[in-house]
Structure formats: C-alpha cells, structure tokens
PDB file of all heavy atoms in Angstrom:
ATOM      1  N   LEU A   1     -83.511 145.420 -55.750  1.00  0.00           N
ATOM      2  CA  LEU A   1     -84.657 145.955 -54.961  1.00  0.00           C
ATOM      3  C   LEU A   1     -85.562 146.863 -55.777  1.00  0.00           C
ATOM      4  O   LEU A   1     -86.790 146.921 -55.610  1.00  0.00           O
ATOM      5  CB  LEU A   1     -84.207 146.614 -53.715  1.00  0.00           C
ATOM      6  CG  LEU A   1     -83.693 145.664 -52.581  1.00  0.00           C
ATOM      7  CD1 LEU A   1     -82.911 146.373 -51.502  1.00  0.00           C
ATOM      8  CD2 LEU A   1     -84.773 144.852 -52.025  1.00  0.00           C
ATOM      9  N   LEU A   2     -84.931 147.767 -56.586  1.00  0.00           N
ATOM     10  CA  LEU A   2     -85.738 148.636 -57.427  1.00  0.00           C
ATOM     11  C   LEU A   2     -86.603 147.888 -58.438  1.00  0.00           C
ATOM     12  O   LEU A   2     -87.652 148.253 -58.737  1.00  0.00           O
ATOM     13  CB  LEU A   2     -84.767 149.673 -58.154  1.00  0.00           C
ATOM     14  CG  LEU A   2     -84.069 150.645 -57.188  1.00  0.00           C
ATOM     15  CD1 LEU A   2     -83.183 151.589 -58.061  1.00  0.00           C
ATOM     16  CD2 LEU A   2     -85.095 151.514 -56.359  1.00  0.00           C
ATOM     17  N   ASN A   3     -85.991 146.761 -58.929  1.00  0.00           N
ATOM     18  CA  ASN A   3     -86.734 145.928 -59.893  1.00  0.00           C
ATOM     19  C   ASN A   3     -87.905 145.195 -59.164  1.00  0.00           C
ATOM     20  O   ASN A   3     -88.965 145.184 -59.699  1.00  0.00           O
ATOM     21  CB  ASN A   3     -85.833 144.851 -60.403  1.00  0.00           C
ATOM     22  CG  ASN A   3     -86.552 144.070 -61.543  1.00  0.00           C
ATOM     23  OD1 ASN A   3     -87.011 144.510 -62.454  1.00  0.00           O
ATOM     24  ND2 ASN A   3     -86.460 142.747 -61.415  1.00  0.00           N
ATOM     25  N   ALA A   4     -87.663 144.723 -57.915  1.00  0.00           N
ATOM     26  CA  ALA A   4     -88.649 144.110 -57.073  1.00  0.00           C
ATOM     27  C   ALA A   4     -89.790 145.126 -56.775  1.00  0.00           C
ATOM     28  O   ALA A   4     -90.948 144.719 -56.513  1.00  0.00           O
ATOM     29  CB  ALA A   4     -88.056 143.542 -55.868  1.00  0.00           C
ATOM     30  N   LEU A   5     -89.503 146.388 -56.658  1.00  0.00           N
ATOM     31  CA  LEU A   5     -90.501 147.393 -56.347  1.00  0.00           C
ATOM     32  C   LEU A   5     -91.604 147.460 -57.394  1.00  0.00           C
ATOM     33  O   LEU A   5     -92.682 148.104 -57.230  1.00  0.00           O
ATOM     34  CB  LEU A   5     -89.838 148.765 -56.243  1.00  0.00           C
ATOM     35  CG  LEU A   5     -90.516 149.909 -55.527  1.00  0.00           C
ATOM     36  CD1 LEU A   5     -90.808 149.505 -54.053  1.00  0.00           C
ATOM     37  CD2 LEU A   5     -89.562 151.116 -55.447  1.00  0.00           C
ATOM     38  N   LYS A   6     -91.358 146.864 -58.569  1.00  0.00           N
ATOM     39  CA  LYS A   6     -92.255 146.816 -59.709  1.00  0.00           C
ATOM     40  C   LYS A   6     -92.805 145.471 -59.962  1.00  0.00           C
ATOM     41  O   LYS A   6     -93.599 145.328 -60.886  1.00  0.00           O
ATOM     42  CB  LYS A   6     -91.557 147.335 -61.022  1.00  0.00           C
ATOM     43  CG  LYS A   6     -91.025 148.779 -60.901  1.00  0.00           C
ATOM     44  CD  LYS A   6     -90.364 149.161 -62.206  1.00  0.00           C
ATOM     45  CE  LYS A   6     -88.999 148.445 -62.373  1.00  0.00           C
ATOM     46  NZ  LYS A   6     -88.220 148.889 -63.533  1.00  0.00           N
ATOM     47  N   MET A   7     -92.450 144.533 -59.116  1.00  0.00           N
ATOM     48  CA  MET A   7     -92.896 143.109 -59.385  1.00  0.00           C
ATOM     49  C   MET A   7     -94.209 142.729 -58.616  1.00  0.00           C
ATOM     50  O   MET A   7     -94.460 143.328 -57.561  1.00  0.00           O
ATOM     51  CB  MET A   7     -91.850 142.122 -58.684  1.00  0.00           C
ATOM     52  CG  MET A   7     -90.688 141.801 -59.702  1.00  0.00           C
ATOM     53  SD  MET A   7     -89.584 140.607 -58.808  1.00  0.00           S
ATOM     54  CE  MET A   7     -88.345 140.374 -60.089  1.00  0.00           C
ATOM     55  N   ASP A   8     -95.005 141.881 -59.222  1.00  0.00           N
ATOM     56  CA  ASP A   8     -96.093 141.290 -58.471  1.00  0.00           C
ATOM     57  C   ASP A   8     -95.588 140.086 -57.642  1.00  0.00           C
ATOM     58  O   ASP A   8     -94.606 139.435 -58.142  1.00  0.00           O
ATOM     59  CB  ASP A   8     -97.181 140.887 -59.481  1.00  0.00           C
ATOM     60  CG  ASP A   8     -97.892 142.091 -60.007  1.00  0.00           C
ATOM     61  OD1 ASP A   8     -98.002 143.137 -59.377  1.00  0.00           O
ATOM     62  OD2 ASP A   8     -98.268 142.013 -61.262  1.00  0.00           O
ATOM     63  N   PRO A   9     -96.199 139.695 -56.522  1.00  0.00           N
ATOM     64  CA  PRO A   9     -97.347 140.377 -55.939  1.00  0.00           C
ATOM     65  C   PRO A   9     -97.021 141.616 -55.038  1.00  0.00           C
ATOM     66  O   PRO A   9     -95.827 141.948 -54.941  1.00  0.00           O
ATOM     67  CB  PRO A   9     -97.966 139.308 -55.122  1.00  0.00           C
ATOM     68  CG  PRO A   9     -96.800 138.499 -54.705  1.00  0.00           C
ATOM     69  CD  PRO A   9     -95.867 138.442 -55.879  1.00  0.00           C
ATOM     70  N   LEU A  10     -98.013 142.213 -54.538  1.00  0.00           N
ATOM     71  CA  LEU A  10     -97.892 143.433 -53.802  1.00  0.00           C
ATOM     72  C   LEU A  10     -96.849 143.248 -52.542  1.00  0.00           C
ATOM     73  O   LEU A  10     -96.137 144.116 -52.321  1.00  0.00           O
ATOM     74  CB  LEU A  10     -99.169 143.953 -53.242  1.00  0.00           C
ATOM     75  CG  LEU A  10     -99.189 145.205 -52.343  1.00  0.00           C
ATOM     76  CD1 LEU A  10     -98.705 146.369 -53.091  1.00  0.00           C
ATOM     77  CD2 LEU A  10    -100.614 145.424 -51.793  1.00  0.00           C
ATOM     78  N   ILE A  11     -96.902 142.061 -51.964  1.00  0.00           N
ATOM     79  CA  ILE A  11     -96.024 141.902 -50.824  1.00  0.00           C
ATOM     80  C   ILE A  11     -94.549 141.953 -51.181  1.00  0.00           C
ATOM     81  O   ILE A  11     -93.713 142.355 -50.325  1.00  0.00           O
ATOM     82  CB  ILE A  11     -96.322 140.478 -50.137  1.00  0.00           C
ATOM     83  CG1 ILE A  11     -95.710 140.390 -48.824  1.00  0.00           C
ATOM     84  CG2 ILE A  11     -95.961 139.352 -51.042  1.00  0.00           C
ATOM     85  CD1 ILE A  11     -96.071 139.182 -47.961  1.00  0.00           C
ATOM     86  N   ILE A  12     -94.167 141.649 -52.443  1.00  0.00           N
ATOM     87  CA  ILE A  12     -92.861 141.783 -52.877  1.00  0.00           C
ATOM     88  C   ILE A  12     -92.432 143.247 -52.949  1.00  0.00           C
ATOM     89  O   ILE A  12     -91.377 143.705 -52.580  1.00  0.00           O
ATOM     90  CB  ILE A  12     -92.650 141.068 -54.238  1.00  0.00           C
ATOM     91  CG1 ILE A  12     -92.874 139.599 -54.097  1.00  0.00           C
ATOM     92  CG2 ILE A  12     -91.257 141.388 -54.799  1.00  0.00           C
ATOM     93  CD1 ILE A  12     -91.843 138.886 -53.280  1.00  0.00           C
ATOM     94  N   GLN A  13     -93.409 144.104 -53.545  1.00  0.00           N
ATOM     95  CA  GLN A  13     -93.231 145.499 -53.658  1.00  0.00           C
ATOM     96  C   GLN A  13     -92.989 146.155 -52.301  1.00  0.00           C
ATOM     97  O   GLN A  13     -92.079 147.029 -52.070  1.00  0.00           O
ATOM     98  CB  GLN A  13     -94.289 146.147 -54.453  1.00  0.00           C
ATOM     99  CG  GLN A  13     -94.475 145.601 -55.831  1.00  0.00           C
ATOM    100  CD  GLN A  13     -95.841 146.083 -56.450  1.00  0.00           C
ATOM    101  OE1 GLN A  13     -96.261 147.265 -56.136  1.00  0.00           O
ATOM    102  NE2 GLN A  13     -96.432 145.268 -57.263  1.00  0.00           N
ATOM    103  N   ILE A  14     -93.776 145.804 -51.316  1.00  0.00           N
ATOM    104  CA  ILE A  14     -93.737 146.375 -50.027  1.00  0.00           C
ATOM    105  C   ILE A  14     -92.448 145.938 -49.377  1.00  0.00           C
ATOM    106  O   ILE A  14     -91.714 146.752 -48.710  1.00  0.00           O
ATOM    107  CB  ILE A  14     -94.932 145.962 -49.134  1.00  0.00           C
ATOM    108  CG1 ILE A  14     -96.233 146.578 -49.709  1.00  0.00           C
ATOM    109  CG2 ILE A  14     -94.747 146.373 -47.632  1.00  0.00           C
ATOM    110  CD1 ILE A  14     -97.517 146.063 -49.108  1.00  0.00           C
ATOM    111  N   GLY A  15     -92.053 144.702 -49.456  1.00  0.00           N
ATOM    112  CA  GLY A  15     -90.741 144.173 -48.883  1.00  0.00           C
ATOM    113  C   GLY A  15     -89.578 144.942 -49.512  1.00  0.00           C
ATOM    114  O   GLY A  15     -88.672 145.299 -48.760  1.00  0.00           O
ATOM    115  N   ALA A  16     -89.631 145.240 -50.682  1.00  0.00           N
ATOM    116  CA  ALA A  16     -88.584 146.017 -51.403  1.00  0.00           C
ATOM    117  C   ALA A  16     -88.493 147.376 -50.862  1.00  0.00           C
ATOM    118  O   ALA A  16     -87.417 147.924 -50.541  1.00  0.00           O
ATOM    119  CB  ALA A  16     -88.779 146.009 -52.927  1.00  0.00           C
ATOM    120  N   ALA A  17     -89.625 148.046 -50.717  1.00  0.00           N
ATOM    121  CA  ALA A  17     -89.654 149.441 -50.137  1.00  0.00           C
ATOM    122  C   ALA A  17     -89.038 149.377 -48.739  1.00  0.00           C
ATOM    123  O   ALA A  17     -88.292 150.333 -48.331  1.00  0.00           O
ATOM    124  CB  ALA A  17     -91.037 149.973 -50.136  1.00  0.00           C
ATOM    125  N   GLN A  18     -89.401 148.440 -47.922  1.00  0.00           N
ATOM    126  CA  GLN A  18     -88.838 148.348 -46.598  1.00  0.00           C
ATOM    127  C   GLN A  18     -87.450 148.130 -46.537  1.00  0.00           C
ATOM    128  O   GLN A  18     -86.693 148.632 -45.673  1.00  0.00           O
ATOM    129  CB  GLN A  18     -89.654 147.247 -45.831  1.00  0.00           C
ATOM    130  CG  GLN A  18     -91.105 147.606 -45.602  1.00  0.00           C
ATOM    131  CD  GLN A  18     -91.906 146.391 -45.008  1.00  0.00           C
ATOM    132  OE1 GLN A  18     -91.485 145.215 -45.179  1.00  0.00           O
ATOM    133  NE2 GLN A  18     -93.035 146.688 -44.421  1.00  0.00           N
ATOM    134  N   ALA A  19     -86.912 147.262 -47.444  1.00  0.00           N
ATOM    135  CA  ALA A  19     -85.424 147.097 -47.537  1.00  0.00           C
ATOM    136  C   ALA A  19     -84.727 148.337 -47.970  1.00  0.00           C
ATOM    137  O   ALA A  19     -83.636 148.627 -47.453  1.00  0.00           O
ATOM    138  CB  ALA A  19     -85.197 145.919 -48.522  1.00  0.00           C
ATOM    139  N   LEU A  20     -85.343 149.039 -48.937  1.00  0.00           N
ATOM    140  CA  LEU A  20     -84.707 150.306 -49.372  1.00  0.00           C
ATOM    141  C   LEU A  20     -84.707 151.325 -48.214  1.00  0.00           C
ATOM    142  O   LEU A  20     -83.855 152.126 -48.092  1.00  0.00           O
ATOM    143  CB  LEU A  20     -85.481 150.776 -50.511  1.00  0.00           C
ATOM    144  CG  LEU A  20     -85.303 150.060 -51.887  1.00  0.00           C
ATOM    145  CD1 LEU A  20     -86.317 150.489 -52.938  1.00  0.00           C
ATOM    146  CD2 LEU A  20     -83.825 150.203 -52.437  1.00  0.00           C
ATOM    147  N   GLU A  21     -85.707 151.329 -47.428  1.00  0.00           N
ATOM    148  CA  GLU A  21     -85.781 152.187 -46.160  1.00  0.00           C
ATOM    149  C   GLU A  21     -84.566 151.857 -45.306  1.00  0.00           C
ATOM    150  O   GLU A  21     -83.857 152.831 -44.835  1.00  0.00           O
ATOM    151  CB  GLU A  21     -87.073 151.946 -45.382  1.00  0.00           C
ATOM    152  CG  GLU A  21     -87.222 152.767 -44.113  1.00  0.00           C
ATOM    153  CD  GLU A  21     -88.374 152.363 -43.363  1.00  0.00           C
ATOM    154  OE1 GLU A  21     -89.182 151.531 -43.776  1.00  0.00           O
ATOM    155  OE2 GLU A  21     -88.616 153.018 -42.239  1.00  0.00           O
ATOM    156  N   ARG A  22     -84.241 150.573 -45.086  1.00  0.00           N
ATOM    157  CA  ARG A  22     -83.110 150.249 -44.215  1.00  0.00           C
ATOM    158  C   ARG A  22     -81.773 150.624 -44.941  1.00  0.00           C
ATOM    159  O   ARG A  22     -80.881 151.204 -44.219  1.00  0.00           O
ATOM    160  CB  ARG A  22     -83.134 148.739 -43.959  1.00  0.00           C
ATOM    161  CG  ARG A  22     -84.209 148.305 -42.995  1.00  0.00           C
ATOM    162  CD  ARG A  22     -83.969 146.867 -42.554  1.00  0.00           C
ATOM    163  NE  ARG A  22     -83.955 145.953 -43.619  1.00  0.00           N
ATOM    164  CZ  ARG A  22     -85.065 145.356 -44.179  1.00  0.00           C
ATOM    165  NH1 ARG A  22     -86.300 145.695 -43.675  1.00  0.00           N
ATOM    166  NH2 ARG A  22     -84.947 144.510 -45.174  1.00  0.00           N
ATOM    167  N   ILE A  23     -81.665 150.477 -46.175  1.00  0.00           N
ATOM    168  CA  ILE A  23     -80.470 150.796 -46.850  1.00  0.00           C
ATOM    169  C   ILE A  23     -80.154 152.302 -46.778  1.00  0.00           C
ATOM    170  O   ILE A  23     -79.017 152.699 -46.537  1.00  0.00           O
ATOM    171  CB  ILE A  23     -80.545 150.401 -48.398  1.00  0.00           C
ATOM    172  CG1 ILE A  23     -80.379 148.858 -48.572  1.00  0.00           C
ATOM    173  CG2 ILE A  23     -79.553 151.124 -49.215  1.00  0.00           C
ATOM    174  CD1 ILE A  23     -80.533 148.394 -49.950  1.00  0.00           C
ATOM    175  N   GLN A  24     -81.229 153.155 -46.796  1.00  0.00           N
ATOM    176  CA  GLN A  24     -80.923 154.505 -46.781  1.00  0.00           C
ATOM    177  C   GLN A  24     -80.645 155.059 -45.358  1.00  0.00           C
ATOM    178  O   GLN A  24     -80.233 156.255 -45.251  1.00  0.00           O
ATOM    179  CB  GLN A  24     -82.222 155.240 -47.260  1.00  0.00           C
ATOM    180  CG  GLN A  24     -82.432 155.185 -48.777  1.00  0.00           C
ATOM    181  CD  GLN A  24     -83.479 156.053 -49.341  1.00  0.00           C
ATOM    182  OE1 GLN A  24     -83.128 156.893 -50.204  1.00  0.00           O
ATOM    183  NE2 GLN A  24     -84.703 155.961 -48.831  1.00  0.00           N
TER     184      GLN A  24
END
C-alpha cells in the first residue's frame, strides 16, 4: 500500500491512502 501511494494514476494513490486509514 505504501508503494501504491506513489503509483500513477491518482485513483490508485487515493485508494491506498483509504486502505491505510482502515488499517490504522
């Protein structure tokens, strides 16, 4: 997920941030 946070396109980065929100 941290790797995806740096990936294009933007929707992937946002999805990664949302998944990290749930993990925390």
